[in-house]
Each structure stands twice: as C-alpha cells, then as structure tokens.
Amino acid sequence: MRQFSPELAAHLQSEATTLCTCWVVKRRDKVVLGFTDHDHDVTLNTLVCLAASGFKAS
C-alpha cells in the first residue's frame, strides 16, 4: 500500500478534497515550464504552473 504524509492523509479523509496534477518540463536549454489541470495557476516553490495551457490529465 502507498504511504502518504499525515497532512495529505488527513486532507484525503476530509469531506471534500482539492487536488490537481502539475507537470514540470525541464528542457535541455535550461528552460523550465510548468502546467496544471487545475482551474487556477498553481505555484510550486517559485515556478508558476499555468492552468490555461490546455493540458488535461488522462
């Protein structure tokens, strides 16, 4: 069985959850791009993952 942090486990056991998927693409030329399937942009550390990118989890 997969182990989750206590914070994530508590979140998943709550009445409603707010989860999304983020993709970080690191190109060879050092350009880093972030994308998300969330309805708003998501910031991971200092990288903004764009919601308007058209990516959908599948």
Protein backbone atom coordinates (compact mmCIF):
# COMPACT_ATOMS: atom_id res chain seq x y z
CA MET A 1 0.00 0.00 0.00
CA ARG A 2 1.22 3.51 -0.78
CA GLN A 3 2.27 5.74 2.11
CA PHE A 4 1.13 9.38 2.31
CA SER A 5 2.24 12.18 4.58
CA PRO A 6 -0.03 12.70 7.61
CA GLU A 7 -1.14 16.05 6.13
CA LEU A 8 -2.18 14.52 2.79
CA ALA A 9 -3.86 11.55 4.50
CA ALA A 10 -5.93 13.95 6.65
CA HIS A 11 -6.82 16.01 3.57
CA LEU A 12 -7.96 12.90 1.67
CA GLN A 13 -10.14 11.83 4.62
CA SER A 14 -11.92 15.19 4.78
CA GLU A 15 -15.40 15.74 3.39
CA ALA A 16 -14.14 17.45 0.22
CA THR A 17 -10.73 17.48 -1.46
CA THR A 18 -8.99 19.91 -3.78
CA LEU A 19 -6.29 18.04 -5.69
CA CYS A 20 -4.71 18.70 -9.07
CA THR A 21 -1.87 17.42 -11.22
CA CYS A 22 1.15 19.56 -12.12
CA TRP A 23 3.70 18.86 -14.82
CA VAL A 24 7.17 20.40 -14.79
CA VAL A 25 9.12 20.24 -18.05
CA LYS A 26 12.87 20.89 -17.85
CA ARG A 27 14.33 21.38 -21.30
CA ARG A 28 17.97 20.79 -22.23
CA ASP A 29 18.42 24.52 -22.84
CA LYS A 30 17.57 25.11 -19.13
CA VAL A 31 14.06 26.48 -19.80
CA VAL A 32 11.61 25.21 -17.15
CA LEU A 33 7.87 25.16 -17.90
CA GLY A 34 5.02 24.33 -15.52
CA PHE A 35 1.47 23.23 -16.36
CA THR A 36 -1.55 22.13 -14.31
CA ASP A 37 -5.03 20.72 -14.85
CA HIS A 38 -6.35 22.95 -12.03
CA ASP A 39 -8.73 25.82 -12.83
CA HIS A 40 -6.23 28.38 -11.45
CA ASP A 41 -2.46 28.74 -11.77
CA VAL A 42 -0.52 26.82 -9.09
CA THR A 43 2.84 27.96 -7.68
CA LEU A 44 5.35 25.23 -6.75
CA ASN A 45 8.22 26.87 -4.88
CA THR A 46 8.87 29.71 -7.35
CA LEU A 47 7.59 28.03 -10.54
CA VAL A 48 4.11 29.02 -11.72
CA CYS A 49 2.25 26.10 -13.30
CA LEU A 50 -0.15 27.56 -15.84
CA ALA A 51 -3.79 26.49 -15.80
CA ALA A 52 -4.61 27.91 -19.23
CA SER A 53 -2.22 25.56 -21.01
CA GLY A 54 -4.84 23.13 -22.33
CA PHE A 55 -3.34 20.10 -20.52
CA LYS A 56 -5.81 17.57 -19.15
CA ALA A 57 -4.90 14.55 -17.05
CA SER A 58 -5.68 11.30 -18.83
